[in-house]
Amino acid sequence: WFNQASETVSRHGAFFGDNIGSSMDVGGSITTSFLNNVMGVVFQADDVGPKIDHQVAPVVASTGNDPAFVTSFVAYGGCLVINDFDDLTGNGAEPVMTHRFTQPGGTAYSPDVPGAWEWYREAGTADGTNDVFTNVFPYDLLFVRNNLNLPGDGVSARAKLLGEIFASWGKTVGGPAIGADVPSKLVVSQNYPNPFNPSTTIKFSLPAKGQVSVKVYNVKGALVTTLVDGVMDAGPQTVIWNGKDANGVPVSTGVYLYKVQTNNTEVVKKMALIK
C-alpha cells in the first residue's frame, strides 16, 4: 500500500510496539526493508534501558521539531523484565525526531536516545501526491500513560497523542465519532419522550459540518427559545429542551414546534408538554 506509485492520496501510518524493531529486523527480509525504508528507522538493540538509566517508566517529551506535538507522557514499562523498549535510530537524513526520553530529573537525553521518530518520503512522483508520513514509537500504545507530574484536564495523554498524530498529518480531529452515521441529508428524529414533562430530547444528524439552529415555537408561530445557534459537526447530534422559554420561565401545557435548520434545509416537528 505504501509503495503504490499510482496512489494519488498521501498515506499515513503510526507504528507502536515495545519490540517493533527487534521483531522486524530479521536479516535482509522484507520486514527489515519495511522497517528501514518505509518506517525510516534502524534497529540497534532490543533494550534502550542502558541509555535511559534503566528507567521503567520514563517521561517522554516533545522535541519541538514538529509543532503538532506538545504533550508530555510516560512510557510505562511495568518492571525491569517486561516491556523493555527497543533502541532505534533514524535511517538517513529525512527522519525527524519528534519525542525524546527524559532523564529522571526531567532533562532530555541527547539526540541519539529518541522516544519516537517521524518519517517522510516521496513515492516517486513529482507532484507530491504520493507523500508518505509515518510515526514510529518504540513502546506499545497501551503503555502511553499520563505524566502525573503535570496537572490533569480530564483527557488522557494517549488520546492527546493520537490527536497530535492526526494533526501532524494535517487531519482535523474532533469530528463525528468513528463509525458515526453521517447521512446524505439532514435527518431529524421525533423528540423523546413525547408528550413530556419537564424535559425532552431532540436528536438529529447532519450531512456536513456547518451552521445549525434549533428553535422552539408555540402553535401561533411565536419564538419561545433558541436551543442551538452555531456551528456543529457532521453526524448525530443531541439537544435537550427543559420546557422553559428564553428567559428561563417554564412554559405552559400545550403543543410546541421545534425547527432544525441548516444552511439550506429545515425540518419542523410537533411536540407536546403536559403538566
C-alpha atoms as a PDB file:
ATOM      1  CA  TRP A   1       0.000   0.000   0.000  1.00  0.00           C
ATOM      2  CA  PHE A   2       2.775   2.441   0.906  1.00  0.00           C
ATOM      3  CA  ASN A   3       4.643   1.603  -2.319  1.00  0.00           C
ATOM      4  CA  GLN A   4       1.859   2.034  -4.857  1.00  0.00           C
ATOM      5  CA  ALA A   5       3.183   4.517  -7.403  1.00  0.00           C
ATOM      6  CA  SER A   6      -0.328   5.020  -8.788  1.00  0.00           C
ATOM      7  CA  GLU A   7      -1.712   6.114  -5.423  1.00  0.00           C
ATOM      8  CA  THR A   8      -2.993   9.693  -5.630  1.00  0.00           C
ATOM      9  CA  VAL A   9      -3.513  10.359  -1.936  1.00  0.00           C
ATOM     10  CA  SER A  10      -0.830  10.902   0.685  1.00  0.00           C
ATOM     11  CA  ARG A  11      -0.553   7.926   3.018  1.00  0.00           C
ATOM     12  CA  HIS A  12      -0.020   7.934   6.745  1.00  0.00           C
ATOM     13  CA  GLY A  13       0.823   5.371   9.388  1.00  0.00           C
ATOM     14  CA  ALA A  14       1.630   5.254  13.083  1.00  0.00           C
ATOM     15  CA  PHE A  15       3.547   2.276  14.455  1.00  0.00           C
ATOM     16  CA  PHE A  16       3.768   1.377  18.148  1.00  0.00           C
ATOM     17  CA  GLY A  17       5.462  -1.537  19.882  1.00  0.00           C
ATOM     18  CA  ASP A  18       7.934  -2.402  22.632  1.00  0.00           C
ATOM     19  CA  ASN A  19       9.694  -4.797  20.222  1.00  0.00           C
ATOM     20  CA  ILE A  20       8.793  -3.108  16.975  1.00  0.00           C
ATOM     21  CA  GLY A  21      12.406  -3.138  15.757  1.00  0.00           C
ATOM     22  CA  SER A  22      13.622  -6.447  17.142  1.00  0.00           C
ATOM     23  CA  SER A  23      10.582  -8.289  15.760  1.00  0.00           C
ATOM     24  CA  MET A  24      11.082  -6.895  12.244  1.00  0.00           C
ATOM     25  CA  ASP A  25      14.873  -6.815  11.876  1.00  0.00           C
ATOM     26  CA  VAL A  26      15.413 -10.433  10.862  1.00  0.00           C
ATOM     27  CA  GLY A  27      18.327 -10.200   8.453  1.00  0.00           C
ATOM     28  CA  GLY A  28      17.619  -8.873   4.990  1.00  0.00           C
ATOM     29  CA  SER A  29      13.946  -9.810   4.946  1.00  0.00           C
ATOM     30  CA  ILE A  30      11.089  -7.775   3.542  1.00  0.00           C
ATOM     31  CA  THR A  31      10.184  -6.729   7.086  1.00  0.00           C
ATOM     32  CA  THR A  32      13.695  -5.313   7.607  1.00  0.00           C
ATOM     33  CA  SER A  33      13.325  -3.357   4.377  1.00  0.00           C
ATOM     34  CA  PHE A  34       9.953  -2.032   5.543  1.00  0.00           C
ATOM     35  CA  LEU A  35      11.443  -1.056   8.911  1.00  0.00           C
ATOM     36  CA  ASN A  36      14.348   0.788   7.280  1.00  0.00           C
ATOM     37  CA  ASN A  37      12.832   2.267   4.146  1.00  0.00           C
ATOM     38  CA  VAL A  38       9.179   2.908   4.956  1.00  0.00           C
ATOM     39  CA  MET A  39       9.156   3.313   8.729  1.00  0.00           C
ATOM     40  CA  GLY A  40      12.514   5.068   8.388  1.00  0.00           C
ATOM     41  CA  VAL A  41      14.320   3.653  11.407  1.00  0.00           C
ATOM     42  CA  VAL A  42      17.188   1.257  12.111  1.00  0.00           C
ATOM     43  CA  PHE A  43      17.137  -1.309  14.910  1.00  0.00           C
ATOM     44  CA  GLN A  44      20.123  -1.005  17.274  1.00  0.00           C
ATOM     45  CA  ALA A  45      19.300  -3.086  20.356  1.00  0.00           C
ATOM     46  CA  ASP A  46      16.310  -4.745  21.995  1.00  0.00           C
ATOM     47  CA  ASP A  47      16.610  -2.689  25.164  1.00  0.00           C
ATOM     48  CA  VAL A  48      17.120   1.060  25.334  1.00  0.00           C
ATOM     49  CA  GLY A  49      17.351   0.741  29.141  1.00  0.00           C
ATOM     50  CA  PRO A  50      21.139   1.223  29.430  1.00  0.00           C
ATOM     51  CA  LYS A  51      20.784   4.576  27.657  1.00  0.00           C
ATOM     52  CA  ILE A  52      17.985   5.845  29.917  1.00  0.00           C
ATOM     53  CA  ASP A  53      19.361   4.854  33.320  1.00  0.00           C
ATOM     54  CA  HIS A  54      17.221   1.700  33.303  1.00  0.00           C
ATOM     55  CA  GLN A  55      14.051   3.683  33.991  1.00  0.00           C
ATOM     56  CA  VAL A  56      10.910   1.543  33.918  1.00  0.00           C
ATOM     57  CA  ALA A  57       8.514   4.461  33.383  1.00  0.00           C
ATOM     58  CA  PRO A  58      10.471   7.217  31.607  1.00  0.00           C
ATOM     59  CA  VAL A  59       8.841  10.522  30.770  1.00  0.00           C
ATOM     60  CA  VAL A  60       8.732  11.232  27.045  1.00  0.00           C
ATOM     61  CA  ALA A  61       8.704  14.875  25.957  1.00  0.00           C
ATOM     62  CA  SER A  62       8.238  16.580  22.613  1.00  0.00           C
ATOM     63  CA  THR A  63      11.418  17.839  20.960  1.00  0.00           C
ATOM     64  CA  GLY A  64       9.602  20.764  19.351  1.00  0.00           C
ATOM     65  CA  ASN A  65      10.678  19.631  15.875  1.00  0.00           C
ATOM     66  CA  ASP A  66       7.036  19.233  14.875  1.00  0.00           C
ATOM     67  CA  PRO A  67       4.700  21.911  16.289  1.00  0.00           C
ATOM     68  CA  ALA A  68       1.804  19.430  16.338  1.00  0.00           C
ATOM     69  CA  PHE A  69       3.355  17.546  19.256  1.00  0.00           C
ATOM     70  CA  VAL A  70       3.168  19.203  22.667  1.00  0.00           C
ATOM     71  CA  THR A  71       2.003  16.519  25.115  1.00  0.00           C
ATOM     72  CA  SER A  72       4.393  15.043  27.666  1.00  0.00           C
ATOM     73  CA  PHE A  73       3.612  11.451  28.649  1.00  0.00           C
ATOM     74  CA  VAL A  74       5.024   8.401  30.415  1.00  0.00           C
ATOM     75  CA  ALA A  75       6.087   5.270  28.533  1.00  0.00           C
ATOM     76  CA  TYR A  76       5.116   2.777  31.200  1.00  0.00           C
ATOM     77  CA  GLY A  77       7.425  -0.253  31.240  1.00  0.00           C
ATOM     78  CA  GLY A  78       5.992  -2.012  34.280  1.00  0.00           C
ATOM     79  CA  CYS A  79       9.112  -3.720  35.636  1.00  0.00           C
ATOM     80  CA  LEU A  80      12.697  -4.481  34.656  1.00  0.00           C
ATOM     81  CA  VAL A  81      11.923  -7.639  32.711  1.00  0.00           C
ATOM     82  CA  ILE A  82       8.733  -6.542  30.950  1.00  0.00           C
ATOM     83  CA  ASN A  83       8.289  -4.065  28.099  1.00  0.00           C
ATOM     84  CA  ASP A  84      11.927  -3.201  27.535  1.00  0.00           C
ATOM     85  CA  PHE A  85      11.723  -0.673  24.729  1.00  0.00           C
ATOM     86  CA  ASP A  86      13.744  -1.116  21.536  1.00  0.00           C
ATOM     87  CA  ASP A  87      16.666   1.176  20.789  1.00  0.00           C
ATOM     88  CA  LEU A  88      16.038   2.732  17.363  1.00  0.00           C
ATOM     89  CA  THR A  89      17.869   5.357  15.311  1.00  0.00           C
ATOM     90  CA  GLY A  90      16.821   7.257  12.211  1.00  0.00           C
ATOM     91  CA  ASN A  91      17.634   5.944   8.733  1.00  0.00           C
ATOM     92  CA  GLY A  92      19.233   8.661   6.661  1.00  0.00           C
ATOM     93  CA  ALA A  93      18.668  12.406   6.634  1.00  0.00           C
ATOM     94  CA  GLU A  94      14.862  12.623   6.370  1.00  0.00           C
ATOM     95  CA  PRO A  95      13.592  11.180   9.685  1.00  0.00           C
ATOM     96  CA  VAL A  96      12.887  13.842  12.281  1.00  0.00           C
ATOM     97  CA  MET A  97      12.907  13.054  15.985  1.00  0.00           C
ATOM     98  CA  THR A  98       9.580  14.196  17.431  1.00  0.00           C
ATOM     99  CA  HIS A  99       9.901  12.858  21.011  1.00  0.00           C
ATOM    100  CA  ARG A 100      12.752  12.134  23.382  1.00  0.00           C
ATOM    101  CA  PHE A 101      13.135  10.178  26.608  1.00  0.00           C
ATOM    102  CA  THR A 102      13.988  12.394  29.556  1.00  0.00           C
ATOM    103  CA  GLN A 103      16.309  11.819  32.468  1.00  0.00           C
ATOM    104  CA  PRO A 104      14.911  11.183  35.973  1.00  0.00           C
ATOM    105  CA  GLY A 105      15.311  14.882  36.724  1.00  0.00           C
ATOM    106  CA  GLY A 106      13.380  15.920  33.621  1.00  0.00           C
ATOM    107  CA  THR A 107      16.265  16.912  31.330  1.00  0.00           C
ATOM    108  CA  ALA A 108      16.099  15.391  27.851  1.00  0.00           C
ATOM    109  CA  TYR A 109      18.701  12.836  26.839  1.00  0.00           C
ATOM    110  CA  SER A 110      20.963  13.505  23.863  1.00  0.00           C
ATOM    111  CA  PRO A 111      19.531  13.154  20.340  1.00  0.00           C
ATOM    112  CA  ASP A 112      20.843   9.594  19.994  1.00  0.00           C
ATOM    113  CA  VAL A 113      18.265   8.451  22.574  1.00  0.00           C
ATOM    114  CA  PRO A 114      14.900   9.108  20.895  1.00  0.00           C
ATOM    115  CA  GLY A 115      11.432   8.309  22.092  1.00  0.00           C
ATOM    116  CA  ALA A 116       9.918   8.392  18.604  1.00  0.00           C
ATOM    117  CA  TRP A 117      10.707   9.234  15.004  1.00  0.00           C
ATOM    118  CA  GLU A 118       8.659  10.897  12.312  1.00  0.00           C
ATOM    119  CA  TRP A 119       9.423   9.802   8.762  1.00  0.00           C
ATOM    120  CA  TYR A 120       8.534  11.360   5.430  1.00  0.00           C
ATOM    121  CA  ARG A 121       9.421  10.268   1.919  1.00  0.00           C
ATOM    122  CA  GLU A 122       8.427  10.777  -1.699  1.00  0.00           C
ATOM    123  CA  ALA A 123       6.987   7.761  -3.501  1.00  0.00           C
ATOM    124  CA  GLY A 124       8.305   8.568  -6.956  1.00  0.00           C
ATOM    125  CA  THR A 125       6.047  11.391  -8.149  1.00  0.00           C
ATOM    126  CA  ALA A 126       6.816  14.991  -8.953  1.00  0.00           C
ATOM    127  CA  ASP A 127       3.510  16.480  -7.808  1.00  0.00           C
ATOM    128  CA  GLY A 128       3.842  15.495  -4.155  1.00  0.00           C
ATOM    129  CA  THR A 129       0.625  13.449  -4.118  1.00  0.00           C
ATOM    130  CA  ASN A 130       2.395  10.251  -3.103  1.00  0.00           C
ATOM    131  CA  ASP A 131       3.983  11.509   0.075  1.00  0.00           C
ATOM    132  CA  VAL A 132       4.280   9.001   2.904  1.00  0.00           C
ATOM    133  CA  PHE A 133       4.235  10.072   6.557  1.00  0.00           C
ATOM    134  CA  THR A 134       4.832   7.618   9.390  1.00  0.00           C
ATOM    135  CA  ASN A 135       5.389   7.900  13.125  1.00  0.00           C
ATOM    136  CA  VAL A 136       7.373   5.213  14.932  1.00  0.00           C
ATOM    137  CA  PHE A 137       7.144   4.724  18.697  1.00  0.00           C
ATOM    138  CA  PRO A 138       9.260   2.014  20.408  1.00  0.00           C
ATOM    139  CA  TYR A 139       6.595   1.317  23.043  1.00  0.00           C
ATOM    140  CA  ASP A 140       3.074  -0.002  22.886  1.00  0.00           C
ATOM    141  CA  LEU A 141       0.213   2.495  22.650  1.00  0.00           C
ATOM    142  CA  LEU A 142      -1.308   0.759  25.682  1.00  0.00           C
ATOM    143  CA  PHE A 143       1.670   1.929  27.741  1.00  0.00           C
ATOM    144  CA  VAL A 144       1.356   5.615  26.878  1.00  0.00           C
ATOM    145  CA  ARG A 145       0.226   6.959  30.256  1.00  0.00           C
ATOM    146  CA  ASN A 146      -0.420  10.338  31.847  1.00  0.00           C
ATOM    147  CA  ASN A 147       2.519  12.263  33.269  1.00  0.00           C
ATOM    148  CA  LEU A 148       1.349  12.570  36.873  1.00  0.00           C
ATOM    149  CA  ASN A 149       3.809  15.407  37.494  1.00  0.00           C
ATOM    150  CA  LEU A 150       1.603  17.624  35.328  1.00  0.00           C
ATOM    151  CA  PRO A 151      -1.919  18.858  36.167  1.00  0.00           C
ATOM    152  CA  GLY A 152      -4.676  16.794  34.574  1.00  0.00           C
ATOM    153  CA  ASP A 153      -7.528  18.142  32.465  1.00  0.00           C
ATOM    154  CA  GLY A 154      -9.666  15.021  32.113  1.00  0.00           C
ATOM    155  CA  VAL A 155      -8.171  13.963  28.760  1.00  0.00           C
ATOM    156  CA  SER A 156      -5.715  11.069  28.700  1.00  0.00           C
ATOM    157  CA  ALA A 157      -2.219  11.558  27.334  1.00  0.00           C
ATOM    158  CA  ARG A 158      -2.899   8.668  24.970  1.00  0.00           C
ATOM    159  CA  ALA A 159      -5.897  10.450  23.451  1.00  0.00           C
ATOM    160  CA  LYS A 160      -3.906  13.668  23.150  1.00  0.00           C
ATOM    161  CA  LEU A 161      -1.028  11.881  21.428  1.00  0.00           C
ATOM    162  CA  LEU A 162      -3.366  10.273  18.899  1.00  0.00           C
ATOM    163  CA  GLY A 163      -4.936  13.667  18.201  1.00  0.00           C
ATOM    164  CA  GLU A 164      -1.496  15.194  17.720  1.00  0.00           C
ATOM    165  CA  ILE A 165      -0.505  12.415  15.319  1.00  0.00           C
ATOM    166  CA  PHE A 166      -3.532  13.180  13.162  1.00  0.00           C
ATOM    167  CA  ALA A 167      -2.784  16.900  13.407  1.00  0.00           C
ATOM    168  CA  SER A 168       0.786  16.295  12.222  1.00  0.00           C
ATOM    169  CA  TRP A 169      -0.722  14.604   9.169  1.00  0.00           C
ATOM    170  CA  GLY A 170      -2.883  17.656   8.503  1.00  0.00           C
ATOM    171  CA  LYS A 171      -6.062  15.893   9.580  1.00  0.00           C
ATOM    172  CA  THR A 172      -8.767  17.577  11.643  1.00  0.00           C
ATOM    173  CA  VAL A 173      -9.794  15.867  14.869  1.00  0.00           C
ATOM    174  CA  GLY A 174     -12.975  16.378  16.836  1.00  0.00           C
ATOM    175  CA  GLY A 175     -15.435  15.466  14.072  1.00  0.00           C
ATOM    176  CA  PRO A 176     -18.068  12.752  14.267  1.00  0.00           C
ATOM    177  CA  ALA A 177     -17.131   9.664  16.220  1.00  0.00           C
ATOM    178  CA  ILE A 178     -15.593   6.742  14.361  1.00  0.00           C
ATOM    179  CA  GLY A 179     -18.418   4.713  12.891  1.00  0.00           C
ATOM    180  CA  ALA A 180     -20.900   7.558  13.254  1.00  0.00           C
ATOM    181  CA  ASP A 181     -23.684   7.529  10.675  1.00  0.00           C
ATOM    182  CA  VAL A 182     -23.275  10.641   8.533  1.00  0.00           C
ATOM    183  CA  PRO A 183     -26.407  10.962   6.369  1.00  0.00           C
ATOM    184  CA  SER A 184     -26.656  12.376   2.858  1.00  0.00           C
ATOM    185  CA  LYS A 185     -29.187  14.970   4.061  1.00  0.00           C
ATOM    186  CA  LEU A 186     -30.489  16.460   7.310  1.00  0.00           C
ATOM    187  CA  VAL A 187     -32.340  13.845   9.375  1.00  0.00           C
ATOM    188  CA  VAL A 188     -34.467  14.916  12.376  1.00  0.00           C
ATOM    189  CA  SER A 189     -35.989  12.364  14.746  1.00  0.00           C
ATOM    190  CA  GLN A 190     -39.173  12.780  16.763  1.00  0.00           C
ATOM    191  CA  ASN A 191     -38.402  14.122  20.205  1.00  0.00           C
ATOM    192  CA  TYR A 192     -38.486  11.661  23.091  1.00  0.00           C
ATOM    193  CA  PRO A 193     -40.356  11.406  25.339  1.00  0.00           C
ATOM    194  CA  ASN A 194     -43.401  12.905  23.692  1.00  0.00           C
ATOM    195  CA  PRO A 195     -45.572  14.056  25.414  1.00  0.00           C
ATOM    196  CA  PHE A 196     -43.024  15.145  28.008  1.00  0.00           C
ATOM    197  CA  ASN A 197     -42.616  16.807  31.399  1.00  0.00           C
ATOM    198  CA  PRO A 198     -40.405  18.563  32.251  1.00  0.00           C
ATOM    199  CA  SER A 199     -37.772  17.963  29.518  1.00  0.00           C
ATOM    200  CA  THR A 200     -37.376  16.191  26.197  1.00  0.00           C
ATOM    201  CA  THR A 201     -34.542  15.139  23.888  1.00  0.00           C
ATOM    202  CA  ILE A 202     -34.271  16.199  20.258  1.00  0.00           C
ATOM    203  CA  LYS A 203     -31.943  14.159  18.053  1.00  0.00           C
ATOM    204  CA  PHE A 204     -30.837  14.915  14.515  1.00  0.00           C
ATOM    205  CA  SER A 205     -28.000  14.029  12.169  1.00  0.00           C
ATOM    206  CA  LEU A 206     -26.105  16.424   9.905  1.00  0.00           C
ATOM    207  CA  PRO A 207     -24.676  15.578   6.466  1.00  0.00           C
ATOM    208  CA  ALA A 208     -21.788  18.027   6.893  1.00  0.00           C
ATOM    209  CA  LYS A 209     -20.243  20.415   9.376  1.00  0.00           C
ATOM    210  CA  GLY A 210     -21.920  23.800   9.260  1.00  0.00           C
ATOM    211  CA  GLN A 211     -24.179  26.433  10.766  1.00  0.00           C
ATOM    212  CA  VAL A 212     -27.185  24.995  12.609  1.00  0.00           C
ATOM    213  CA  SER A 213     -30.087  26.447  14.547  1.00  0.00           C
ATOM    214  CA  VAL A 214     -32.627  24.622  16.704  1.00  0.00           C
ATOM    215  CA  LYS A 215     -35.581  26.763  17.772  1.00  0.00           C
ATOM    216  CA  VAL A 216     -38.828  26.157  19.651  1.00  0.00           C
ATOM    217  CA  TYR A 217     -42.083  27.933  18.677  1.00  0.00           C
ATOM    218  CA  ASN A 218     -45.613  27.939  20.050  1.00  0.00           C
ATOM    219  CA  VAL A 219     -48.560  26.996  17.822  1.00  0.00           C
ATOM    220  CA  LYS A 220     -49.071  30.686  16.943  1.00  0.00           C
ATOM    221  CA  GLY A 221     -45.580  30.806  15.425  1.00  0.00           C
ATOM    222  CA  ALA A 222     -44.019  32.941  18.161  1.00  0.00           C
ATOM    223  CA  LEU A 223     -40.418  32.071  19.096  1.00  0.00           C
ATOM    224  CA  VAL A 224     -40.218  30.508  22.566  1.00  0.00           C
ATOM    225  CA  THR A 225     -36.478  29.833  22.816  1.00  0.00           C
ATOM    226  CA  THR A 226     -33.365  29.087  20.779  1.00  0.00           C
ATOM    227  CA  LEU A 227     -31.609  25.865  21.774  1.00  0.00           C
ATOM    228  CA  VAL A 228     -28.758  25.972  19.256  1.00  0.00           C
ATOM    229  CA  ASP A 229     -27.330  28.684  17.050  1.00  0.00           C
ATOM    230  CA  GLY A 230     -23.824  27.885  15.883  1.00  0.00           C
ATOM    231  CA  VAL A 231     -21.526  25.521  14.003  1.00  0.00           C
ATOM    232  CA  MET A 232     -21.906  21.779  14.589  1.00  0.00           C
ATOM    233  CA  ASP A 233     -20.023  18.756  13.238  1.00  0.00           C
ATOM    234  CA  ALA A 234     -21.371  16.227  10.757  1.00  0.00           C
ATOM    235  CA  GLY A 235     -23.127  13.198  12.175  1.00  0.00           C
ATOM    236  CA  PRO A 236     -25.512  12.592  15.090  1.00  0.00           C
ATOM    237  CA  GLN A 237     -26.344  15.456  17.465  1.00  0.00           C
ATOM    238  CA  THR A 238     -28.465  15.673  20.612  1.00  0.00           C
ATOM    239  CA  VAL A 239     -30.209  18.707  22.131  1.00  0.00           C
ATOM    240  CA  ILE A 240     -32.354  18.808  25.275  1.00  0.00           C
ATOM    241  CA  TRP A 241     -35.185  21.271  25.877  1.00  0.00           C
ATOM    242  CA  ASN A 242     -36.044  21.805  29.530  1.00  0.00           C
ATOM    243  CA  GLY A 243     -39.521  23.194  28.855  1.00  0.00           C
ATOM    244  CA  LYS A 244     -38.523  26.789  29.563  1.00  0.00           C
ATOM    245  CA  ASP A 245     -38.598  29.939  27.434  1.00  0.00           C
ATOM    246  CA  ALA A 246     -35.671  32.209  26.574  1.00  0.00           C
ATOM    247  CA  ASN A 247     -35.962  33.900  29.978  1.00  0.00           C
ATOM    248  CA  GLY A 248     -35.808  30.619  31.898  1.00  0.00           C
ATOM    249  CA  VAL A 249     -39.506  30.624  32.757  1.00  0.00           C
ATOM    250  CA  PRO A 250     -41.364  27.266  32.490  1.00  0.00           C
ATOM    251  CA  VAL A 251     -43.899  27.307  29.659  1.00  0.00           C
ATOM    252  CA  SER A 252     -47.487  26.131  29.994  1.00  0.00           C
ATOM    253  CA  THR A 253     -49.068  22.886  28.859  1.00  0.00           C
ATOM    254  CA  GLY A 254     -49.571  22.782  25.120  1.00  0.00           C
ATOM    255  CA  VAL A 255     -48.295  21.844  21.678  1.00  0.00           C
ATOM    256  CA  TYR A 256     -44.998  23.297  20.523  1.00  0.00           C
ATOM    257  CA  LEU A 257     -42.955  23.137  17.339  1.00  0.00           C
ATOM    258  CA  TYR A 258     -39.234  22.594  17.045  1.00  0.00           C
ATOM    259  CA  LYS A 259     -37.352  23.554  13.898  1.00  0.00           C
ATOM    260  CA  VAL A 260     -33.890  22.282  12.984  1.00  0.00           C
ATOM    261  CA  GLN A 261     -32.362  24.423  10.249  1.00  0.00           C
ATOM    262  CA  THR A 262     -29.058  24.200   8.359  1.00  0.00           C
ATOM    263  CA  ASN A 263     -27.738  26.445   5.618  1.00  0.00           C
ATOM    264  CA  ASN A 264     -30.131  25.064   3.005  1.00  0.00           C
ATOM    265  CA  THR A 265     -32.584  22.736   4.779  1.00  0.00           C
ATOM    266  CA  GLU A 266     -35.092  22.901   7.617  1.00  0.00           C
ATOM    267  CA  VAL A 267     -37.296  20.319   9.324  1.00  0.00           C
ATOM    268  CA  VAL A 268     -40.202  21.136  11.661  1.00  0.00           C
ATOM    269  CA  LYS A 269     -41.852  18.677  14.061  1.00  0.00           C
ATOM    270  CA  LYS A 270     -44.511  18.884  16.796  1.00  0.00           C
ATOM    271  CA  MET A 271     -44.170  18.026  20.470  1.00  0.00           C
ATOM    272  CA  ALA A 272     -46.495  18.251  23.467  1.00  0.00           C
ATOM    273  CA  LEU A 273     -45.800  19.385  27.012  1.00  0.00           C
ATOM    274  CA  ILE A 274     -48.184  18.154  29.707  1.00  0.00           C
ATOM    275  CA  LYS A 275     -48.306  19.027  33.396  1.00  0.00           C
END
